[in-house]
């Protein structure tokens, strides 16, 4: 029996985009033990995952170095056949290189990649325009094949049951927050869009506990009936279960977009400073990308977001029009199909 360890200790969306590795390894090696290492706080994403033997949690916030060394000892004791590192940072590269696995696999941009058994080129943009899930799957293509697998999450029956009362009528969700200012659709534009949504449409605002203040401000400014804040009240998998039942999910270029992809939920992804060509676009069957119609000399300004617009004008967000979002409602902005039956 083979033993695999997948390492991805970055953010929520990064974990979701690594789940195709689990799917493919399970399909190719149904009897293998597959473990997944992630950062503390993200473990509930993979709670009760049917294909995982163990989820290993790294507490990066407290005693980071001591916990890293403890993890290394644990990994070495497990005697993995293959350690597959999805990250490009030194700490996880260290774990991979000294894991004592028979094969250590990672991207060439990792500082410890010179010690890996197998190094895979990681290239963002360019003529290939690979999605991040495709880049991740390249890590295991040399001992599997070229078959593509989508990201998948597995909410439990309890997660679906928790979401069910909110889904008795047709609804849409908005996830208005982002860690980065230049990835977040501006407050005033969220409010303007909400005010133009046809009357009678139920709207849920999603996000984490830290997003509740923003959601409360949007609710107050929009003066919108049938708008409810669920930010901070749902777990990752409960949010994913709810998004799967929505008529449309409006998101930034951030983690909720990847939750929608993993549930194959309809999604409208709003891109401000970043572009989908980086390889982090939505993957749902029903998906829309919203961005400015014109070309800006400064866009994209980087692979990741910034705390403020480097040019000071934030035109990449401010020039997006309400109509662009309204047109992705299931039957257009004038439809009454979203009304309660």
Protein backbone atom coordinates (compact mmCIF):
# COMPACT_ATOMS: atom_id res chain seq x y z
CA UNK A 1 0.00 0.00 0.00
CA UNK A 2 1.38 3.37 -1.00
CA UNK A 3 1.39 6.38 1.32
CA UNK A 4 1.15 9.94 0.04
CA UNK A 5 1.41 13.30 1.80
CA UNK A 6 0.14 16.49 0.16
CA UNK A 7 1.41 19.74 1.69
CA UNK A 8 -0.49 23.01 1.29
CA UNK A 9 -0.36 25.26 4.34
CA UNK A 10 -1.28 28.56 2.66
CA UNK A 11 -4.73 30.16 2.54
CA UNK A 12 -8.26 28.77 2.24
CA UNK A 13 -8.45 29.03 -1.53
CA UNK A 14 -5.05 27.40 -1.95
CA UNK A 15 -6.22 24.35 -0.03
CA UNK A 16 -9.32 24.09 -2.21
CA UNK A 17 -7.22 24.31 -5.38
CA UNK A 18 -5.05 21.44 -4.11
CA UNK A 19 -8.01 19.05 -3.70
CA UNK A 20 -7.78 17.75 -7.32
CA UNK A 21 -4.59 16.00 -6.18
CA UNK A 22 -6.62 14.04 -3.64
CA UNK A 23 -9.21 13.12 -6.26
CA UNK A 24 -6.64 11.95 -8.79
CA UNK A 25 -4.53 9.97 -6.33
CA UNK A 26 -7.65 8.25 -5.04
CA UNK A 27 -8.77 7.39 -8.59
CA UNK A 28 -5.36 6.03 -9.57
CA UNK A 29 -4.43 4.38 -6.24
CA UNK A 30 -7.74 3.47 -4.54
CA UNK A 31 -6.04 1.51 -1.73
CA UNK A 32 -3.42 4.15 -0.89
CA UNK A 33 -3.29 6.19 2.31
CA UNK A 34 -3.49 9.89 1.47
CA UNK A 35 -2.65 12.49 4.13
CA UNK A 36 -2.94 16.26 3.79
CA UNK A 37 -1.00 18.87 5.76
CA UNK A 38 -2.45 22.38 6.16
CA UNK A 39 -2.29 25.36 8.49
CA UNK A 40 -4.32 25.58 11.69
CA UNK A 41 -7.65 27.24 10.97
CA UNK A 42 -8.18 25.54 7.61
CA UNK A 43 -8.65 21.99 8.83
CA UNK A 44 -12.47 22.16 8.77
CA UNK A 45 -12.31 22.45 4.96
CA UNK A 46 -11.36 18.78 4.82
CA UNK A 47 -13.41 17.58 7.76
CA UNK A 48 -14.81 14.10 7.09
CA UNK A 49 -13.20 14.02 3.64
CA UNK A 50 -13.94 10.50 2.35
CA UNK A 51 -10.58 9.99 0.62
CA UNK A 52 -8.21 11.23 3.32
CA UNK A 53 -6.55 9.02 5.89
CA UNK A 54 -5.38 11.91 8.07
CA UNK A 55 -5.35 15.71 8.10
CA UNK A 56 -2.17 17.06 9.68
CA UNK A 57 -2.42 20.55 11.17
CA UNK A 58 0.50 22.95 11.46
CA UNK A 59 0.07 25.77 13.96
CA UNK A 60 1.99 28.58 12.27
CA UNK A 61 0.88 31.26 14.72
CA UNK A 62 2.43 29.85 17.91
CA UNK A 63 5.95 28.44 18.31
CA UNK A 64 6.21 28.20 14.54
CA UNK A 65 9.73 26.80 14.44
CA UNK A 66 9.19 24.29 17.25
CA UNK A 67 5.97 23.09 15.66
CA UNK A 68 7.73 22.84 12.29
CA UNK A 69 10.43 20.57 13.74
CA UNK A 70 7.79 18.50 15.50
CA UNK A 71 5.98 18.11 12.19
CA UNK A 72 9.17 17.02 10.49
CA UNK A 73 9.69 14.23 13.03
CA UNK A 74 6.08 13.13 12.59
CA UNK A 75 6.41 13.10 8.80
CA UNK A 76 9.67 11.14 8.91
CA UNK A 77 8.08 8.52 11.19
CA UNK A 78 5.26 8.04 8.69
CA UNK A 79 7.69 6.87 5.99
CA UNK A 80 5.76 8.22 3.04
CA UNK A 81 6.33 6.90 -0.45
CA UNK A 82 5.81 10.35 -1.93
CA UNK A 83 5.59 13.83 -0.40
CA UNK A 84 3.94 16.29 -2.76
CA UNK A 85 4.52 19.94 -1.88
CA UNK A 86 2.14 22.37 -3.58
CA UNK A 87 3.78 25.43 -2.02
CA UNK A 88 6.75 27.50 -3.05
CA UNK A 89 7.96 28.63 0.37
CA UNK A 90 11.00 27.61 2.38
CA UNK A 91 9.30 26.14 5.45
CA UNK A 92 7.33 23.52 3.55
CA UNK A 93 10.30 22.98 1.25
CA UNK A 94 12.34 22.11 4.34
CA UNK A 95 9.68 19.60 5.44
CA UNK A 96 9.64 18.05 1.97
CA UNK A 97 13.38 17.86 1.46
CA UNK A 98 14.04 16.18 4.82
CA UNK A 99 10.86 14.09 4.98
CA UNK A 100 12.72 10.81 4.32
CA UNK A 101 10.11 10.01 1.66
CA UNK A 102 11.11 7.80 -1.24
CA UNK A 103 10.23 10.61 -3.63
CA UNK A 104 9.96 14.31 -2.83
CA UNK A 105 8.06 16.42 -5.33
CA UNK A 106 7.60 20.17 -5.58
CA UNK A 107 7.80 23.27 -7.73
CA UNK A 108 11.13 24.59 -8.93
CA UNK A 109 10.47 27.97 -7.30
CA UNK A 110 10.69 26.49 -3.82
CA UNK A 111 14.01 27.50 -2.18
CA UNK A 112 14.63 23.86 -1.21
CA UNK A 113 13.71 22.44 -4.63
CA UNK A 114 17.36 21.61 -5.37
CA UNK A 115 16.98 18.85 -2.77
CA UNK A 116 13.71 17.44 -4.21
CA UNK A 117 13.70 14.20 -6.19
CA UNK A 118 11.33 15.71 -8.75
CA UNK A 119 11.05 19.41 -9.61
CA UNK A 120 8.17 20.77 -11.70
CA UNK A 121 8.24 24.16 -13.41
CA UNK A 122 5.71 26.61 -12.02
CA UNK A 123 4.81 29.32 -14.52
CA UNK A 124 2.07 31.93 -14.12
CA UNK A 125 0.54 33.48 -17.24
CA UNK A 126 2.24 33.18 -20.59
CA UNK A 127 0.96 31.42 -23.66
CA UNK A 128 -0.18 28.32 -21.76
CA UNK A 129 -2.49 30.12 -19.34
CA UNK A 130 -2.77 27.07 -17.12
CA UNK A 131 -5.18 27.13 -14.22
CA UNK A 132 -3.60 26.66 -10.80
CA UNK A 133 -5.36 23.30 -10.50
CA UNK A 134 -3.62 22.22 -13.73
CA UNK A 135 -0.27 23.43 -12.42
CA UNK A 136 -0.83 21.47 -9.22
CA UNK A 137 -1.77 18.31 -11.10
CA UNK A 138 1.50 18.53 -13.03
CA UNK A 139 3.20 17.57 -9.77
CA UNK A 140 1.86 14.02 -10.07
CA UNK A 141 1.44 13.59 -13.83
CA UNK A 142 4.77 11.77 -14.19
CA UNK A 143 3.48 8.79 -12.18
CA UNK A 144 -0.23 9.08 -13.06
CA UNK A 145 -1.41 10.58 -16.37
CA UNK A 146 -2.68 13.82 -17.90
CA UNK A 147 -6.33 13.40 -16.83
CA UNK A 148 -7.80 16.55 -15.31
CA UNK A 149 -9.66 16.53 -11.99
CA UNK A 150 -11.67 19.42 -10.59
CA UNK A 151 -11.52 20.74 -7.01
CA UNK A 152 -14.08 19.11 -4.72
CA UNK A 153 -15.27 19.71 -1.17
CA UNK A 154 -17.47 17.37 0.83
CA UNK A 155 -19.97 19.07 3.14
CA UNK A 156 -21.58 16.58 5.51
CA UNK A 157 -25.29 15.80 5.72
CA UNK A 158 -25.30 18.03 8.79
CA UNK A 159 -23.78 20.90 6.78
CA UNK A 160 -26.49 20.58 4.14
CA UNK A 161 -29.15 20.35 6.85
CA UNK A 162 -27.82 23.54 8.46
CA UNK A 163 -28.05 25.37 5.12
CA UNK A 164 -31.47 23.99 4.20
CA UNK A 165 -33.66 26.53 6.09
CA UNK A 166 -31.99 29.37 4.18
CA UNK A 167 -32.61 27.67 0.85
CA UNK A 168 -36.39 27.27 1.04
CA UNK A 169 -36.78 30.11 -1.45
CA UNK A 170 -34.61 31.11 -4.38
CA UNK A 171 -31.71 33.33 -3.40
CA UNK A 172 -28.31 34.71 -4.33
CA UNK A 173 -25.20 35.18 -2.18
CA UNK A 174 -22.65 37.97 -2.04
CA UNK A 175 -19.19 37.52 -0.49
CA UNK A 176 -18.06 41.16 -0.40
CA UNK A 177 -14.78 40.93 1.52
CA UNK A 178 -11.20 40.13 0.59
CA UNK A 179 -7.96 40.13 2.54
CA UNK A 180 -6.53 42.54 -0.05
CA UNK A 181 -7.98 45.98 -0.79
CA UNK A 182 -7.23 45.84 -4.52
CA UNK A 183 -9.01 42.48 -4.85
CA UNK A 184 -12.15 43.71 -3.10
CA UNK A 185 -15.00 45.24 -5.05
CA UNK A 186 -15.59 48.66 -3.47
CA UNK A 187 -18.19 49.18 -0.76
CA UNK A 188 -20.20 51.82 -2.65
CA UNK A 189 -20.42 49.59 -5.71
CA UNK A 190 -21.67 46.60 -3.74
CA UNK A 191 -24.36 48.89 -2.31
CA UNK A 192 -25.27 50.30 -5.72
CA UNK A 193 -25.55 46.81 -7.21
CA UNK A 194 -27.72 45.54 -4.35
CA UNK A 195 -30.13 48.47 -4.74
CA UNK A 196 -30.70 47.51 -8.39
CA UNK A 197 -31.39 43.83 -7.82
CA UNK A 198 -35.08 43.09 -8.57
CA UNK A 199 -37.37 43.40 -5.55
CA UNK A 200 -38.24 40.15 -3.88
CA UNK A 201 -34.84 38.52 -4.41
CA UNK A 202 -33.38 37.10 -1.21
CA UNK A 203 -29.73 38.01 -0.64
CA UNK A 204 -27.31 36.46 1.83
CA UNK A 205 -24.00 38.12 2.69
CA UNK A 206 -21.32 35.51 3.36
CA UNK A 207 -17.85 35.67 4.88
CA UNK A 208 -15.90 35.04 8.03
CA UNK A 209 -16.33 36.59 11.45
CA UNK A 210 -13.93 39.41 10.54
CA UNK A 211 -16.19 40.36 7.61
CA UNK A 212 -19.29 41.07 9.68
CA UNK A 213 -18.55 44.79 10.13
CA UNK A 214 -18.31 45.28 6.36
CA UNK A 215 -21.51 43.29 5.83
CA UNK A 216 -23.35 45.30 8.48
CA UNK A 217 -22.26 48.54 6.81
CA UNK A 218 -23.48 47.26 3.42
CA UNK A 219 -26.80 46.20 4.93
CA UNK A 220 -27.30 49.60 6.55
CA UNK A 221 -26.40 51.55 3.40
CA UNK A 222 -28.45 49.39 1.03
CA UNK A 223 -31.72 49.61 3.03
CA UNK A 224 -32.66 46.36 1.36
CA UNK A 225 -35.44 44.04 2.53
CA UNK A 226 -34.71 40.33 2.34
CA UNK A 227 -30.99 40.90 2.83
CA UNK A 228 -29.52 38.81 5.65
CA UNK A 229 -26.00 38.65 7.04
CA UNK A 230 -24.64 35.13 7.46
CA UNK A 231 -20.99 36.16 7.70
CA UNK A 232 -19.44 34.64 10.80
CA UNK A 233 -22.37 32.28 11.33
CA UNK A 234 -21.51 29.50 8.90
CA UNK A 235 -18.50 27.21 8.70
CA UNK A 236 -16.56 26.81 5.45
CA UNK A 237 -18.49 23.69 4.51
CA UNK A 238 -21.85 25.14 5.55
CA UNK A 239 -21.15 28.15 3.35
CA UNK A 240 -20.17 25.81 0.50
CA UNK A 241 -23.40 23.82 0.94
CA UNK A 242 -25.44 27.03 0.81
CA UNK A 243 -23.60 28.35 -2.25
CA UNK A 244 -24.39 25.10 -4.07
CA UNK A 245 -28.11 25.89 -3.76
CA UNK A 246 -27.88 29.55 -4.82
CA UNK A 247 -29.15 30.92 -8.11
CA UNK A 248 -25.91 32.92 -8.32
CA UNK A 249 -22.92 33.63 -6.07
CA UNK A 250 -21.14 36.99 -6.40
CA UNK A 251 -17.53 36.90 -5.24
CA UNK A 252 -14.18 38.68 -5.46
CA UNK A 253 -11.01 37.00 -6.68
CA UNK A 254 -10.76 35.29 -3.31
CA UNK A 255 -11.55 32.14 -1.34
CA UNK A 256 -15.37 32.12 -1.82
CA UNK A 257 -14.80 31.86 -5.58
CA UNK A 258 -12.87 28.63 -5.03
CA UNK A 259 -15.56 27.33 -2.66
CA UNK A 260 -18.05 27.86 -5.49
CA UNK A 261 -15.77 26.04 -7.94
CA UNK A 262 -15.43 23.09 -5.57
CA UNK A 263 -19.22 22.82 -5.33
CA UNK A 264 -19.79 23.50 -9.04
CA UNK A 265 -22.03 26.35 -7.87
CA UNK A 266 -22.99 29.18 -10.27
CA UNK A 267 -20.60 32.06 -9.75
CA UNK A 268 -19.91 35.60 -10.89
CA UNK A 269 -16.30 36.51 -10.12
CA UNK A 270 -15.32 40.18 -9.98
CA UNK A 271 -11.72 40.99 -10.87
CA UNK A 272 -10.29 44.36 -9.90
CA UNK A 273 -6.47 44.53 -9.88
CA UNK A 274 -5.88 40.88 -10.78
CA UNK A 275 -6.82 38.96 -13.93
CA UNK A 276 -8.12 35.40 -14.47
CA UNK A 277 -5.17 34.73 -16.81
CA UNK A 278 -3.04 34.24 -13.69
CA UNK A 279 -4.78 30.87 -13.40
CA UNK A 280 -7.05 31.44 -10.41
CA UNK A 281 -10.35 31.85 -12.24
CA UNK A 282 -13.71 30.21 -11.49
CA UNK A 283 -14.24 26.63 -12.66
CA UNK A 284 -17.98 26.10 -12.20
CA UNK A 285 -20.01 25.06 -15.22
CA UNK A 286 -21.99 28.28 -14.85
CA UNK A 287 -19.42 31.01 -14.40
CA UNK A 288 -18.99 34.65 -15.32
CA UNK A 289 -15.94 36.90 -15.09
CA UNK A 290 -16.55 40.60 -14.49
CA UNK A 291 -13.83 43.16 -15.14
CA UNK A 292 -13.46 46.58 -16.73
CA UNK A 293 -14.20 46.80 -20.45
CA UNK A 294 -11.12 48.86 -21.26
CA UNK A 295 -7.39 48.18 -21.01
CA UNK A 296 -5.50 49.88 -18.19
CA UNK A 297 -1.76 50.54 -18.40
CA UNK A 298 -1.35 49.41 -14.77
CA UNK A 299 -3.52 46.29 -14.74
CA UNK A 300 -2.68 43.75 -13.50
CA UNK A 301 -0.44 45.37 -10.94
CA UNK A 302 0.69 42.07 -9.45
CA UNK A 303 -0.16 38.44 -8.84
CA UNK A 304 -1.52 39.21 -5.40
CA UNK A 305 -3.47 42.14 -4.05
CA UNK A 306 -2.27 45.30 -2.32
CA UNK A 307 -3.47 47.24 0.70
CA UNK A 308 -4.13 50.24 -1.58
CA UNK A 309 -4.05 51.04 -5.27
CA UNK A 310 -0.38 51.64 -6.24
CA UNK A 311 -1.49 54.32 -8.72
CA UNK A 312 -3.99 55.94 -6.36
CA UNK A 313 -7.01 55.81 -8.69
CA UNK A 314 -8.33 52.21 -8.40
CA UNK A 315 -9.93 52.51 -11.84
CA UNK A 316 -9.80 48.74 -12.32
CA UNK A 317 -12.62 48.47 -9.77
CA UNK A 318 -14.36 51.82 -9.96
CA UNK A 319 -15.04 51.55 -13.70
CA UNK A 320 -16.94 48.27 -13.40
CA UNK A 321 -20.65 48.95 -13.99
CA UNK A 322 -23.67 47.64 -12.07
CA UNK A 323 -25.14 46.34 -15.31
CA UNK A 324 -22.27 43.93 -15.75
CA UNK A 325 -23.22 42.21 -12.50
CA UNK A 326 -26.96 42.47 -13.06
CA UNK A 327 -26.66 40.75 -16.40
CA UNK A 328 -25.40 37.58 -14.73
CA UNK A 329 -28.56 37.08 -12.71
CA UNK A 330 -30.08 33.81 -13.95
CA UNK A 331 -32.44 35.44 -16.47
CA UNK A 332 -31.12 38.98 -16.67
CA UNK A 333 -31.69 42.09 -14.56
CA UNK A 334 -35.43 42.38 -15.27
CA UNK A 335 -36.31 38.79 -14.42
CA UNK A 336 -38.71 37.95 -11.63
CA UNK A 337 -37.57 34.33 -11.59
CA UNK A 338 -35.69 34.89 -8.38
CA UNK A 339 -38.85 35.82 -6.53
CA UNK A 340 -40.24 33.50 -3.95
CA UNK A 341 -42.78 31.05 -5.34
